[in-house]
Protein backbone atom coordinates (compact mmCIF):
# COMPACT_ATOMS: atom_id res chain seq x y z
CA MET A 1 161.66 85.63 45.77
CA SER A 2 165.20 85.07 44.61
CA ALA A 3 166.97 87.74 42.59
CA ALA A 4 167.42 85.54 39.52
CA ALA A 5 168.35 86.98 36.14
CA ILE A 6 165.68 87.95 33.58
CA ARG A 7 162.57 86.63 35.29
CA THR A 8 159.17 86.18 33.62
CA THR A 9 155.61 86.89 34.66
CA VAL A 10 152.17 87.82 33.38
CA VAL A 11 150.40 91.13 33.90
CA GLY A 12 147.36 89.39 35.34
CA SER A 13 144.62 88.07 33.09
CA TYR A 14 144.64 84.90 30.98
CA PRO A 15 141.97 83.86 28.42
CA ARG A 16 138.95 82.13 29.91
CA PRO A 17 137.81 78.74 28.58
CA LEU A 18 134.94 78.98 26.13
CA TRP A 19 132.81 76.75 28.34
CA LEU A 20 133.07 79.40 31.07
CA SER A 21 132.36 82.67 29.27
CA ASP A 22 131.92 84.38 25.93
CA PRO A 23 134.64 84.02 23.27
CA HIS A 24 137.96 85.80 23.33
CA GLY A 25 137.89 89.34 21.98
CA ILE A 26 134.89 90.32 24.13
CA LEU A 27 136.10 92.45 27.02
CA PHE A 28 132.92 92.25 29.07
CA GLY A 29 131.85 88.71 28.25
CA GLY A 30 129.01 86.90 30.00
CA TRP A 31 129.14 83.67 31.98
CA HIS A 32 127.88 80.41 30.45
CA LEU A 33 127.39 78.45 33.68
CA ARG A 34 124.43 78.54 36.02
CA ALA A 35 124.85 80.70 39.09
CA ASP A 36 124.87 77.69 41.41
CA ILE A 37 127.89 76.11 39.68
CA LEU A 38 129.65 79.25 38.44
CA SER A 39 132.10 79.41 41.34
CA GLU A 40 133.15 75.80 40.81
CA GLY A 41 133.70 76.46 37.11
CA GLN A 42 135.79 79.55 37.89
CA ASP A 43 137.90 77.44 40.27
CA ASP A 44 138.48 74.94 37.47
CA ALA A 45 139.39 77.68 34.99
CA SER A 46 141.76 79.26 37.51
CA THR A 47 143.48 75.91 37.98
CA LEU A 48 143.95 75.60 34.21
CA ALA A 49 145.50 79.08 34.04
CA ILE A 50 147.79 78.35 36.98
CA ARG A 51 148.96 75.03 35.52
CA ALA A 52 149.65 76.66 32.14
CA GLN A 53 151.95 79.21 33.77
CA GLU A 54 153.67 76.50 35.80
CA ARG A 55 154.33 74.41 32.68
CA LEU A 56 155.86 77.42 30.97
CA GLY A 57 158.23 77.97 33.88
CA LEU A 58 157.12 81.52 34.69
CA ASP A 59 158.64 82.93 37.86
CA LEU A 60 155.62 84.81 39.21
CA ILE A 61 152.09 83.72 38.39
CA SER A 62 148.47 84.83 38.75
CA ASP A 63 145.15 82.99 38.75
CA GLY A 64 144.46 84.39 35.27
CA GLU A 65 141.68 86.55 36.77
CA GLN A 66 139.18 83.89 35.71
CA ARG A 67 136.47 85.22 38.03
CA ARG A 68 136.55 88.78 36.72
CA ASP A 69 134.06 89.99 34.14
CA SER A 70 136.05 93.26 34.17
CA PHE A 71 139.34 94.13 35.82
CA VAL A 72 137.69 97.35 37.08
CA PHE A 73 134.03 96.55 37.71
CA TYR A 74 134.84 93.32 39.52
CA PHE A 75 136.02 95.57 42.35
CA SER A 76 133.79 98.65 42.10
CA ARG A 77 130.69 96.43 42.06
CA ARG A 78 131.67 95.25 45.56
CA LEU A 79 132.45 98.70 46.95
CA GLY A 80 129.93 100.82 48.79
CA GLY A 81 128.97 104.07 47.07
CA PHE A 82 128.79 102.66 43.52
CA ASP A 83 125.42 102.36 41.76
CA PHE A 84 125.33 99.81 38.93
CA GLU A 85 121.54 99.89 38.61
CA ARG A 86 121.45 103.15 36.63
CA PRO A 87 124.76 103.33 34.72
CA VAL A 88 125.83 106.04 32.29
CA ALA A 89 127.35 105.22 28.88
CA ARG A 90 130.76 106.82 28.40
CA PRO A 91 133.75 106.22 26.08
CA LEU A 92 136.36 103.94 27.64
CA ARG A 93 139.66 105.81 28.17
CA GLY A 94 139.31 108.03 25.13
CA SER A 95 138.48 105.24 22.68
CA ARG A 96 135.37 104.81 20.53
CA HIS A 97 134.28 101.94 22.76
CA GLN A 98 131.21 102.94 24.81
CA VAL A 99 130.88 101.34 28.24
CA ALA A 100 128.01 101.51 30.74
CA MET A 101 129.77 103.00 33.76
CA PRO A 102 128.49 102.98 37.34
CA ARG A 103 127.62 106.18 39.13
CA ILE A 104 129.21 107.12 42.44
CA VAL A 105 126.28 108.15 44.61
CA GLY A 106 127.72 107.98 48.13
CA PRO A 107 130.96 107.79 50.08
CA VAL A 108 133.22 105.03 48.79
CA ARG A 109 133.86 102.34 51.37
CA ARG A 110 134.93 98.71 51.61
CA ASP A 111 132.18 96.87 53.47
CA GLN A 112 133.26 93.39 52.38
CA PRO A 113 136.30 91.55 50.99
CA LEU A 114 136.72 92.12 47.26
CA ALA A 115 138.95 89.27 46.10
CA VAL A 116 140.49 87.79 49.24
CA ASP A 117 139.08 84.32 48.54
CA ASP A 118 140.58 84.48 45.04
CA VAL A 119 144.04 85.03 46.54
CA ARG A 120 143.52 82.23 49.05
CA PHE A 121 142.60 79.84 46.23
CA LEU A 122 145.66 80.86 44.21
CA ARG A 123 147.95 80.48 47.22
CA ALA A 124 146.59 76.99 47.91
CA SER A 125 146.97 75.97 44.26
CA THR A 126 150.70 76.50 43.68
CA GLU A 127 154.02 76.64 45.45
CA LEU A 128 155.34 79.29 43.07
CA PRO A 129 155.41 82.98 44.02
CA ILE A 130 152.03 84.55 43.29
CA LYS A 131 150.77 87.97 42.25
CA ALA A 132 147.31 89.51 42.33
CA ALA A 133 146.24 92.85 40.87
CA ILE A 134 143.57 95.43 41.62
CA ALA A 135 142.46 98.50 39.68
CA GLY A 136 143.93 101.67 41.16
CA PRO A 137 142.09 104.81 42.29
CA MET A 138 142.61 106.86 39.11
CA THR A 139 141.46 104.02 36.86
CA LEU A 140 138.40 103.42 39.06
CA ILE A 141 137.56 107.13 38.82
CA ASP A 142 138.07 107.07 35.04
CA THR A 143 135.56 104.22 34.68
CA SER A 144 132.78 105.70 36.78
CA VAL A 145 130.59 108.81 36.91
CA ASP A 146 130.97 110.88 40.07
CA GLU A 147 127.70 112.30 41.37
CA TYR A 148 128.66 112.50 45.05
CA TYR A 149 132.13 114.04 45.46
CA ARG A 150 131.21 116.96 43.16
CA GLY A 151 134.47 116.88 41.24
CA ASP A 152 136.72 116.58 44.29
CA ARG A 153 138.83 113.86 42.70
CA GLN A 154 141.52 113.98 45.37
CA THR A 155 139.10 113.13 48.19
CA LEU A 156 137.47 110.44 46.06
CA ALA A 157 140.89 108.99 45.19
CA MET A 158 141.97 108.85 48.82
CA ASP A 159 138.72 107.13 49.84
CA LEU A 160 139.28 104.59 47.08
CA ALA A 161 142.89 104.17 48.16
CA ALA A 162 141.87 103.48 51.75
CA ALA A 163 139.47 100.79 50.54
CA ILE A 164 142.14 99.26 48.29
CA ASN A 165 144.69 99.32 51.11
CA ALA A 166 142.33 97.42 53.43
CA GLU A 167 141.90 94.81 50.70
CA LEU A 168 145.62 94.48 49.98
CA LEU A 169 146.45 93.99 53.64
CA GLU A 170 144.22 90.92 53.60
CA TRP A 171 145.86 89.68 50.37
CA VAL A 172 149.23 89.82 52.08
CA ALA A 173 147.86 87.98 55.10
CA ALA A 174 146.55 85.33 52.68
CA GLY A 175 150.06 84.74 51.33
CA CYS A 176 150.27 86.98 48.26
CA ASP A 177 153.93 87.57 47.33
CA VAL A 178 153.36 90.58 45.05
CA VAL A 179 150.38 92.94 45.09
CA GLN A 180 149.87 95.01 41.96
CA ILE A 181 148.00 98.25 41.28
CA ASP A 182 146.71 98.53 37.70
CA GLU A 183 146.72 102.18 36.57
CA PRO A 184 146.30 102.50 32.79
CA ALA A 185 144.72 105.89 33.50
CA PHE A 186 148.15 107.21 34.54
CA THR A 187 149.14 107.51 30.88
CA ARG A 188 146.11 109.70 30.17
CA TYR A 189 146.31 112.13 33.07
CA PRO A 190 149.94 112.88 34.02
CA ALA A 191 148.88 116.14 35.67
CA TRP A 192 146.52 114.22 37.95
CA VAL A 193 149.32 111.76 38.70
CA ARG A 194 151.43 114.62 40.02
CA GLN A 195 148.57 116.40 41.81
CA TRP A 196 147.07 113.45 43.70
CA GLY A 197 147.72 110.16 41.88
CA LEU A 198 151.05 109.42 43.56
CA ALA A 199 149.63 110.28 46.98
CA ALA A 200 146.70 107.92 46.37
CA LEU A 201 149.12 105.22 45.20
CA ALA A 202 151.16 105.63 48.39
CA ARG A 203 147.96 105.30 50.45
CA CYS A 204 147.07 102.09 48.61
CA LEU A 205 150.42 100.58 49.60
CA GLN A 206 150.61 101.89 53.15
CA GLY A 207 151.75 99.18 55.55
CA ILE A 208 152.06 96.54 52.82
CA THR A 209 154.86 94.13 53.67
CA ALA A 210 154.72 92.10 50.44
CA ARG A 211 156.47 93.27 47.30
CA THR A 212 154.50 95.83 45.31
CA ALA A 213 154.02 96.47 41.60
CA VAL A 214 152.36 99.12 39.46
CA HIS A 215 151.15 98.35 35.93
CA VAL A 216 150.94 101.36 33.60
CA CYS A 217 149.83 100.77 30.01
CA TYR A 218 147.79 102.37 27.23
CA GLY A 219 144.73 100.14 27.65
CA TYR A 220 143.22 97.23 25.75
CA PRO A 221 143.02 97.52 21.93
CA GLY A 222 139.38 96.45 22.06
CA ASP A 223 138.23 98.42 19.01
CA GLY A 224 141.61 98.83 17.36
CA THR A 225 142.10 102.23 18.96
CA LYS A 226 144.97 103.02 21.29
CA VAL A 227 145.14 106.44 22.92
CA ARG A 228 148.72 107.54 23.59
CA GLU A 229 148.34 111.17 24.50
CA HIS A 230 151.32 111.09 26.85
CA GLY A 231 154.47 109.00 26.63
CA TYR A 232 156.28 107.28 29.45
CA GLU A 233 159.01 109.91 29.15
CA GLU A 234 156.57 112.39 30.70
CA LEU A 235 155.48 110.04 33.47
CA LEU A 236 158.52 108.08 34.60
CA PRO A 237 160.72 110.85 36.02
CA TYR A 238 158.42 111.29 39.02
CA LEU A 239 156.62 107.93 39.05
CA VAL A 240 159.81 105.96 39.71
CA ASP A 241 160.39 107.87 42.95
CA SER A 242 157.26 106.30 44.43
CA GLY A 243 157.75 103.55 46.97
CA PHE A 244 156.83 100.45 44.98
CA ASP A 245 159.15 97.67 43.83
CA LEU A 246 158.18 96.65 40.26
CA LEU A 247 157.02 98.80 37.35
CA SER A 248 155.13 97.02 34.54
CA LEU A 249 155.29 98.82 31.17
CA GLU A 250 153.75 98.31 27.72
CA CYS A 251 156.69 98.26 25.31
CA ALA A 252 155.99 95.76 22.50
CA ALA A 253 153.01 97.35 20.70
CA PRO A 254 154.45 100.89 20.71
CA HIS A 255 157.91 99.53 19.76
CA LEU A 256 159.59 101.34 22.63
CA ASP A 257 163.37 101.41 22.69
CA PRO A 258 164.82 99.63 25.74
CA ALA A 259 166.83 102.82 26.28
CA LEU A 260 163.63 104.01 28.01
CA LEU A 261 164.84 101.96 30.98
CA LYS A 262 167.38 104.69 31.72
CA LEU A 263 164.46 106.64 33.19
CA CYS A 264 163.58 103.83 35.58
CA ARG A 265 166.78 104.18 37.60
CA ASN A 266 166.94 101.40 40.25
CA LYS A 267 163.36 100.16 39.80
CA GLU A 268 162.67 96.57 38.81
CA VAL A 269 160.85 96.64 35.47
CA ILE A 270 158.45 94.22 33.81
CA PHE A 271 159.29 95.04 30.20
CA GLY A 272 156.39 94.25 27.85
CA VAL A 273 157.59 92.02 25.00
CA LEU A 274 154.24 90.54 23.90
CA ASP A 275 151.85 92.66 21.81
CA ILE A 276 148.36 91.67 22.95
CA GLY A 277 146.82 93.42 19.94
CA SER A 278 148.71 91.16 17.51
CA HIS A 279 147.65 87.64 16.53
CA GLN A 280 151.21 86.77 15.56
CA VAL A 281 153.37 84.76 17.95
CA GLU A 282 156.54 86.67 18.77
CA ASP A 283 159.93 85.29 17.71
CA PRO A 284 161.90 84.04 20.76
CA GLU A 285 165.09 85.22 19.09
CA LEU A 286 163.73 88.76 18.86
CA ILE A 287 162.71 88.58 22.53
CA ARG A 288 166.24 87.40 23.35
CA ARG A 289 167.75 90.38 21.54
CA THR A 290 165.32 92.77 23.22
CA ALA A 291 166.23 91.40 26.65
CA LEU A 292 169.95 91.69 25.96
CA ARG A 293 169.48 95.25 24.72
CA ALA A 294 167.55 96.05 27.90
CA LEU A 295 170.49 94.79 29.95
CA GLU A 296 172.49 97.74 28.63
CA TYR A 297 170.31 99.92 30.87
CA ILE A 298 169.17 97.69 33.75
CA GLY A 299 170.71 94.93 35.83
CA PRO A 300 169.69 91.33 35.02
CA ASP A 301 168.30 90.93 38.54
CA LYS A 302 165.97 93.89 37.90
CA LEU A 303 164.70 92.88 34.45
CA TRP A 304 161.44 90.98 34.07
CA LEU A 305 159.77 90.05 30.79
CA GLY A 306 155.99 90.06 30.48
CA PRO A 307 153.11 90.84 28.13
CA ASP A 308 152.18 94.44 27.42
CA CYS A 309 148.91 93.95 29.29
CA GLY A 310 146.49 91.21 30.29
CA LEU A 311 145.93 88.37 27.84
CA VAL A 312 142.16 88.02 28.31
CA LEU A 313 141.27 89.18 24.79
CA LEU A 314 143.31 86.47 23.06
CA ASP A 315 142.46 82.91 22.13
CA ARG A 316 143.88 80.58 24.80
CA SER A 317 146.11 78.70 22.37
CA LEU A 318 147.52 81.98 21.05
CA ALA A 319 148.10 83.35 24.54
CA TYR A 320 149.91 80.16 25.55
CA ALA A 321 152.07 80.25 22.42
CA LYS A 322 153.00 83.88 23.06
CA LEU A 323 153.95 83.13 26.67
CA ALA A 324 155.95 80.11 25.50
CA ALA A 325 157.88 82.35 23.09
CA MET A 326 158.54 84.80 25.90
CA ALA A 327 159.76 82.05 28.22
CA GLN A 328 162.03 80.68 25.48
CA GLY A 329 163.41 84.13 24.70
CA ALA A 330 164.18 84.66 28.38
CA ARG A 331 165.99 81.29 28.54
CA LEU A 332 168.09 82.18 25.50
CA ALA A 333 168.99 85.55 27.00
CA ARG A 334 169.96 83.91 30.30
CA GLN A 335 172.20 81.49 28.40
CA ASP A 336 173.94 84.40 26.71
CA LEU A 337 174.34 86.15 30.03
CA LEU A 338 175.84 83.02 31.60
CA ALA A 339 178.28 82.67 28.70
CA GLN A 340 179.38 86.28 29.15
CA ARG A 341 179.98 85.70 32.85
CA GLN A 342 182.09 82.65 32.12
CA GLU A 343 184.18 84.61 29.62
CA LEU A 344 184.68 87.63 31.88
CA PRO A 345 184.33 86.31 35.44
CA GLY A 346 186.14 89.15 37.11
CA GLN A 347 183.95 91.85 35.58
CA LEU A 348 180.45 90.36 35.56
CA ARG A 349 180.17 88.27 38.71
């Protein structure tokens, strides 16, 4: 990918059409199509999500994760060692939202591809650079009940990381330009991040030749509750030393000052400018000002704009309007940057 100024992307998910699954706002919605035609319908929905991102002029796109009933369970359901037949109800990442979580009853292993065909479909559907995301080891642990590893989270995390790494290697072979690890659990357990989370992350990315990203947020606002026990200030000083390329942060909903980017040093950052918990469309002018303020702390070739998190909980028309505002704000900021370069060519080129 070229090192253009102020690029745009999504985190991963995009709202599913109502003919495919339950309405927006339902995190674990059911499918409306018969099993024998479900895959075809998911292909169609993926194509719609891809074309929407192309029309908006985004620089790095996903398939909208149209096949995933859950960004976590879509993967753990296909891994060996997970039992979904007798789940246990637990709160989701500290919220009031109860989720039936699978039990881990044996050694975790990857016996089959998890989403390789999804990446192949995305690659065949666009000429733009593509990104695909997978839930990371800590988030998979946080949305399951361990009955096999007896509390040895580090061993469990490294087994999960080995399985994820095997999957990502096949994504790269299928033509994926950026592979992303989703770790919202990082903001809940900074001590675990230091103890074994970064080592597990490194194992996930071992041997990966594509560009790599890590998404760290505070979770979906499914019941109006957001748990922010630990701020990025506690996490970033050691997270940014890990060997990945892009860091995706939730910044719009918590109204984070772009000065936070000082902690990111030379990392490329996907700065969240769309609040997925709000049903208001952001002002492109405000996004422009936010981007220009961010450029006080990060180079334009390292700044990306994106949503705080996945867009799956929003109405499709609202999600599209929000992304359109983001794309417009990025264009305005690039125009300002170009004007500055023309005024001061010797200093800014």
